[in-house]
Amino acid sequence: MTVSAIEKQDQSEMTRAERTRSRRTFRPNVDIIEREDELTVLADMPGACDDDIDIRFENAGLTIFGRTTDRQPEETDYLSREFAVGDFVRSFQVSENIDIGRISAEYTDGVLTLHLPKTEKAKPRRISVKTA
């Protein structure tokens, strides 16, 4: 192993986040769509309830947190079980071109939709050309 590989490995160890939740944690898949006036984030969070979703904006970071719960009684005898119960967590750095006061969200059919409106200065504008 070379010295640079060891340094890289040490550096990645230092930047790895520590797990602080005792439940299973999922990283939801997201699609980010850029439109003229906003960014739209679609996050798959099946099994979460809207009351169990928490979205926070702090220090230019947007964090999505959701929790799934087992809707079956504890004594349920499963023949097969593939659906896992746990938490959804995903974080993003947000540009200063987003109007944080107008961020909105809705949750339908297991998909969280976040609307991140752009500030006026970030919106594209058309410059007209005049003839002389």
C-alpha atoms as a PDB file:
ATOM      1  CA  MET A   1       0.000   0.000   0.000  1.00  0.00           C
ATOM      2  CA  THR A   2       1.432   3.397  -0.916  1.00  0.00           C
ATOM      3  CA  VAL A   3       1.699   6.349   1.428  1.00  0.00           C
ATOM      4  CA  SER A   4      -0.861   8.349  -0.591  1.00  0.00           C
ATOM      5  CA  ALA A   5      -3.371   5.478  -0.364  1.00  0.00           C
ATOM      6  CA  ILE A   6      -2.953   5.419   3.399  1.00  0.00           C
ATOM      7  CA  GLU A   7      -3.449   9.169   3.603  1.00  0.00           C
ATOM      8  CA  LYS A   8      -6.588   8.924   1.479  1.00  0.00           C
ATOM      9  CA  GLN A   9      -7.917   6.121   3.627  1.00  0.00           C
ATOM     10  CA  ASP A  10      -7.264   8.080   6.814  1.00  0.00           C
ATOM     11  CA  GLN A  11      -8.923  11.153   5.337  1.00  0.00           C
ATOM     12  CA  SER A  12     -12.060   9.192   4.342  1.00  0.00           C
ATOM     13  CA  GLU A  13     -12.262   7.746   7.841  1.00  0.00           C
ATOM     14  CA  MET A  14     -12.276  11.253   9.294  1.00  0.00           C
ATOM     15  CA  THR A  15     -15.079  12.468   7.014  1.00  0.00           C
ATOM     16  CA  ARG A  16     -17.355   9.462   7.497  1.00  0.00           C
ATOM     17  CA  ALA A  17     -20.443  10.391   9.538  1.00  0.00           C
ATOM     18  CA  GLU A  18     -21.035   8.500  12.732  1.00  0.00           C
ATOM     19  CA  ARG A  19     -24.291   6.664  13.115  1.00  0.00           C
ATOM     20  CA  THR A  20     -26.301   8.117  15.973  1.00  0.00           C
ATOM     21  CA  ARG A  21     -29.654   6.394  15.498  1.00  0.00           C
ATOM     22  CA  SER A  22     -30.410   2.957  16.884  1.00  0.00           C
ATOM     23  CA  ARG A  23     -32.941   2.166  14.138  1.00  0.00           C
ATOM     24  CA  ARG A  24     -32.151   1.104  10.604  1.00  0.00           C
ATOM     25  CA  THR A  25     -31.442   4.171   8.437  1.00  0.00           C
ATOM     26  CA  PHE A  26     -32.267   4.510   4.752  1.00  0.00           C
ATOM     27  CA  ARG A  27     -30.970   7.077   2.270  1.00  0.00           C
ATOM     28  CA  PRO A  28     -34.011   7.876   0.114  1.00  0.00           C
ATOM     29  CA  ASN A  29     -33.544   8.100  -3.633  1.00  0.00           C
ATOM     30  CA  VAL A  30     -34.190  11.593  -4.958  1.00  0.00           C
ATOM     31  CA  ASP A  31     -34.744  13.323  -8.269  1.00  0.00           C
ATOM     32  CA  ILE A  32     -33.883  17.021  -8.485  1.00  0.00           C
ATOM     33  CA  ILE A  33     -35.539  18.989 -11.261  1.00  0.00           C
ATOM     34  CA  GLU A  34     -34.475  22.508 -12.161  1.00  0.00           C
ATOM     35  CA  ARG A  35     -37.158  24.784 -13.492  1.00  0.00           C
ATOM     36  CA  GLU A  36     -36.951  28.462 -14.365  1.00  0.00           C
ATOM     37  CA  ASP A  37     -38.359  29.595 -11.017  1.00  0.00           C
ATOM     38  CA  GLU A  38     -37.533  26.730  -8.620  1.00  0.00           C
ATOM     39  CA  LEU A  39     -35.766  23.479  -7.866  1.00  0.00           C
ATOM     40  CA  THR A  40     -38.060  20.549  -7.152  1.00  0.00           C
ATOM     41  CA  VAL A  41     -36.811  17.636  -5.060  1.00  0.00           C
ATOM     42  CA  LEU A  42     -38.707  14.337  -5.203  1.00  0.00           C
ATOM     43  CA  ALA A  43     -37.735  11.884  -2.441  1.00  0.00           C
ATOM     44  CA  ASP A  44     -39.002   8.302  -2.189  1.00  0.00           C
ATOM     45  CA  MET A  45     -40.084   7.682   1.394  1.00  0.00           C
ATOM     46  CA  PRO A  46     -42.517   4.731   1.320  1.00  0.00           C
ATOM     47  CA  GLY A  47     -44.229   3.862   4.565  1.00  0.00           C
ATOM     48  CA  ALA A  48     -43.664   7.236   6.225  1.00  0.00           C
ATOM     49  CA  CYS A  49     -46.544   9.311   7.563  1.00  0.00           C
ATOM     50  CA  ASP A  50     -46.647  13.065   6.999  1.00  0.00           C
ATOM     51  CA  ASP A  51     -46.584  13.558  10.784  1.00  0.00           C
ATOM     52  CA  ASP A  52     -43.296  11.617  10.907  1.00  0.00           C
ATOM     53  CA  ILE A  53     -41.510  13.776   8.320  1.00  0.00           C
ATOM     54  CA  ASP A  54     -39.262  16.591   9.509  1.00  0.00           C
ATOM     55  CA  ILE A  55     -37.550  19.006   7.119  1.00  0.00           C
ATOM     56  CA  ARG A  56     -34.991  21.438   8.491  1.00  0.00           C
ATOM     57  CA  PHE A  57     -32.905  24.209   7.011  1.00  0.00           C
ATOM     58  CA  GLU A  58     -29.834  25.231   9.017  1.00  0.00           C
ATOM     59  CA  ASN A  59     -26.460  26.733   8.049  1.00  0.00           C
ATOM     60  CA  ALA A  60     -27.142  26.434   4.287  1.00  0.00           C
ATOM     61  CA  GLY A  61     -28.042  22.758   4.732  1.00  0.00           C
ATOM     62  CA  LEU A  62     -31.396  21.132   4.053  1.00  0.00           C
ATOM     63  CA  THR A  63     -32.078  17.883   5.931  1.00  0.00           C
ATOM     64  CA  ILE A  64     -34.977  15.537   5.276  1.00  0.00           C
ATOM     65  CA  PHE A  65     -35.889  13.102   8.046  1.00  0.00           C
ATOM     66  CA  GLY A  66     -38.731  10.587   7.979  1.00  0.00           C
ATOM     67  CA  ARG A  67     -39.722   7.589  10.015  1.00  0.00           C
ATOM     68  CA  THR A  68     -41.472   4.411   8.974  1.00  0.00           C
ATOM     69  CA  THR A  69     -43.446   2.464  11.512  1.00  0.00           C
ATOM     70  CA  ASP A  70     -44.543  -1.138  11.575  1.00  0.00           C
ATOM     71  CA  ARG A  71     -48.291  -1.037  11.130  1.00  0.00           C
ATOM     72  CA  GLN A  72     -48.748  -4.689  12.107  1.00  0.00           C
ATOM     73  CA  PRO A  73     -49.190  -5.867  15.700  1.00  0.00           C
ATOM     74  CA  GLU A  74     -45.982  -7.083  17.362  1.00  0.00           C
ATOM     75  CA  GLU A  75     -47.253 -10.650  17.567  1.00  0.00           C
ATOM     76  CA  THR A  76     -47.749 -10.868  13.774  1.00  0.00           C
ATOM     77  CA  ASP A  77     -46.391 -14.154  12.428  1.00  0.00           C
ATOM     78  CA  TYR A  78     -44.923 -13.296   9.013  1.00  0.00           C
ATOM     79  CA  LEU A  79     -44.659 -15.963   6.354  1.00  0.00           C
ATOM     80  CA  SER A  80     -42.256 -13.660   4.468  1.00  0.00           C
ATOM     81  CA  ARG A  81     -41.123 -10.162   5.328  1.00  0.00           C
ATOM     82  CA  GLU A  82     -39.217  -7.862   2.973  1.00  0.00           C
ATOM     83  CA  PHE A  83     -40.369  -4.415   4.061  1.00  0.00           C
ATOM     84  CA  ALA A  84     -37.954  -2.931   6.580  1.00  0.00           C
ATOM     85  CA  VAL A  85     -38.831  -0.400   9.245  1.00  0.00           C
ATOM     86  CA  GLY A  86     -36.471   2.478   9.947  1.00  0.00           C
ATOM     87  CA  ASP A  87     -35.625   6.120   9.361  1.00  0.00           C
ATOM     88  CA  PHE A  88     -35.073   8.078   6.159  1.00  0.00           C
ATOM     89  CA  VAL A  89     -32.310  10.696   6.290  1.00  0.00           C
ATOM     90  CA  ARG A  90     -30.889  12.810   3.464  1.00  0.00           C
ATOM     91  CA  SER A  91     -28.988  16.128   3.543  1.00  0.00           C
ATOM     92  CA  PHE A  92     -28.137  18.688   0.876  1.00  0.00           C
ATOM     93  CA  GLN A  93     -26.144  21.900   0.709  1.00  0.00           C
ATOM     94  CA  VAL A  94     -28.414  24.699  -0.521  1.00  0.00           C
ATOM     95  CA  SER A  95     -27.242  27.635  -2.579  1.00  0.00           C
ATOM     96  CA  GLU A  96     -27.867  31.226  -1.510  1.00  0.00           C
ATOM     97  CA  ASN A  97     -29.947  31.457  -4.705  1.00  0.00           C
ATOM     98  CA  ILE A  98     -32.845  29.689  -2.940  1.00  0.00           C
ATOM     99  CA  ASP A  99     -35.506  31.744  -1.176  1.00  0.00           C
ATOM    100  CA  ILE A 100     -35.532  29.781   2.099  1.00  0.00           C
ATOM    101  CA  GLY A 101     -38.588  31.631   3.407  1.00  0.00           C
ATOM    102  CA  ARG A 102     -40.736  30.172   0.631  1.00  0.00           C
ATOM    103  CA  ILE A 103     -39.616  26.510   0.743  1.00  0.00           C
ATOM    104  CA  SER A 104     -42.684  24.240   0.801  1.00  0.00           C
ATOM    105  CA  ALA A 105     -43.333  20.504   0.872  1.00  0.00           C
ATOM    106  CA  GLU A 106     -46.059  17.953   0.341  1.00  0.00           C
ATOM    107  CA  TYR A 107     -46.188  14.193   0.797  1.00  0.00           C
ATOM    108  CA  THR A 108     -48.363  11.954  -1.392  1.00  0.00           C
ATOM    109  CA  ASP A 109     -48.267   8.225  -2.126  1.00  0.00           C
ATOM    110  CA  GLY A 110     -44.860   7.702  -0.502  1.00  0.00           C
ATOM    111  CA  VAL A 111     -43.164  10.575  -2.327  1.00  0.00           C
ATOM    112  CA  LEU A 112     -42.038  13.780  -0.618  1.00  0.00           C
ATOM    113  CA  THR A 113     -42.022  16.785  -2.958  1.00  0.00           C
ATOM    114  CA  LEU A 114     -39.985  19.819  -1.906  1.00  0.00           C
ATOM    115  CA  HIS A 115     -40.301  23.128  -3.727  1.00  0.00           C
ATOM    116  CA  LEU A 116     -37.209  25.329  -3.434  1.00  0.00           C
ATOM    117  CA  PRO A 117     -38.086  28.683  -5.070  1.00  0.00           C
ATOM    118  CA  LYS A 118     -35.225  30.643  -6.597  1.00  0.00           C
ATOM    119  CA  THR A 119     -34.537  34.208  -5.519  1.00  0.00           C
ATOM    120  CA  GLU A 120     -35.290  36.901  -8.070  1.00  0.00           C
ATOM    121  CA  LYS A 121     -31.585  37.464  -8.757  1.00  0.00           C
ATOM    122  CA  ALA A 122     -31.119  33.773  -9.592  1.00  0.00           C
ATOM    123  CA  LYS A 123     -33.979  33.547 -12.089  1.00  0.00           C
ATOM    124  CA  PRO A 124     -32.956  33.772 -15.710  1.00  0.00           C
ATOM    125  CA  ARG A 125     -34.105  36.854 -17.536  1.00  0.00           C
ATOM    126  CA  ARG A 126     -34.215  37.802 -21.142  1.00  0.00           C
ATOM    127  CA  ILE A 127     -32.291  40.863 -22.272  1.00  0.00           C
ATOM    128  CA  SER A 128     -33.867  42.631 -25.181  1.00  0.00           C
ATOM    129  CA  VAL A 129     -31.656  44.001 -27.921  1.00  0.00           C
ATOM    130  CA  LYS A 130     -32.522  47.352 -29.424  1.00  0.00           C
ATOM    131  CA  THR A 131     -31.452  48.535 -32.822  1.00  0.00           C
ATOM    132  CA  ALA A 132     -29.685  51.849 -33.100  1.00  0.00           C
END
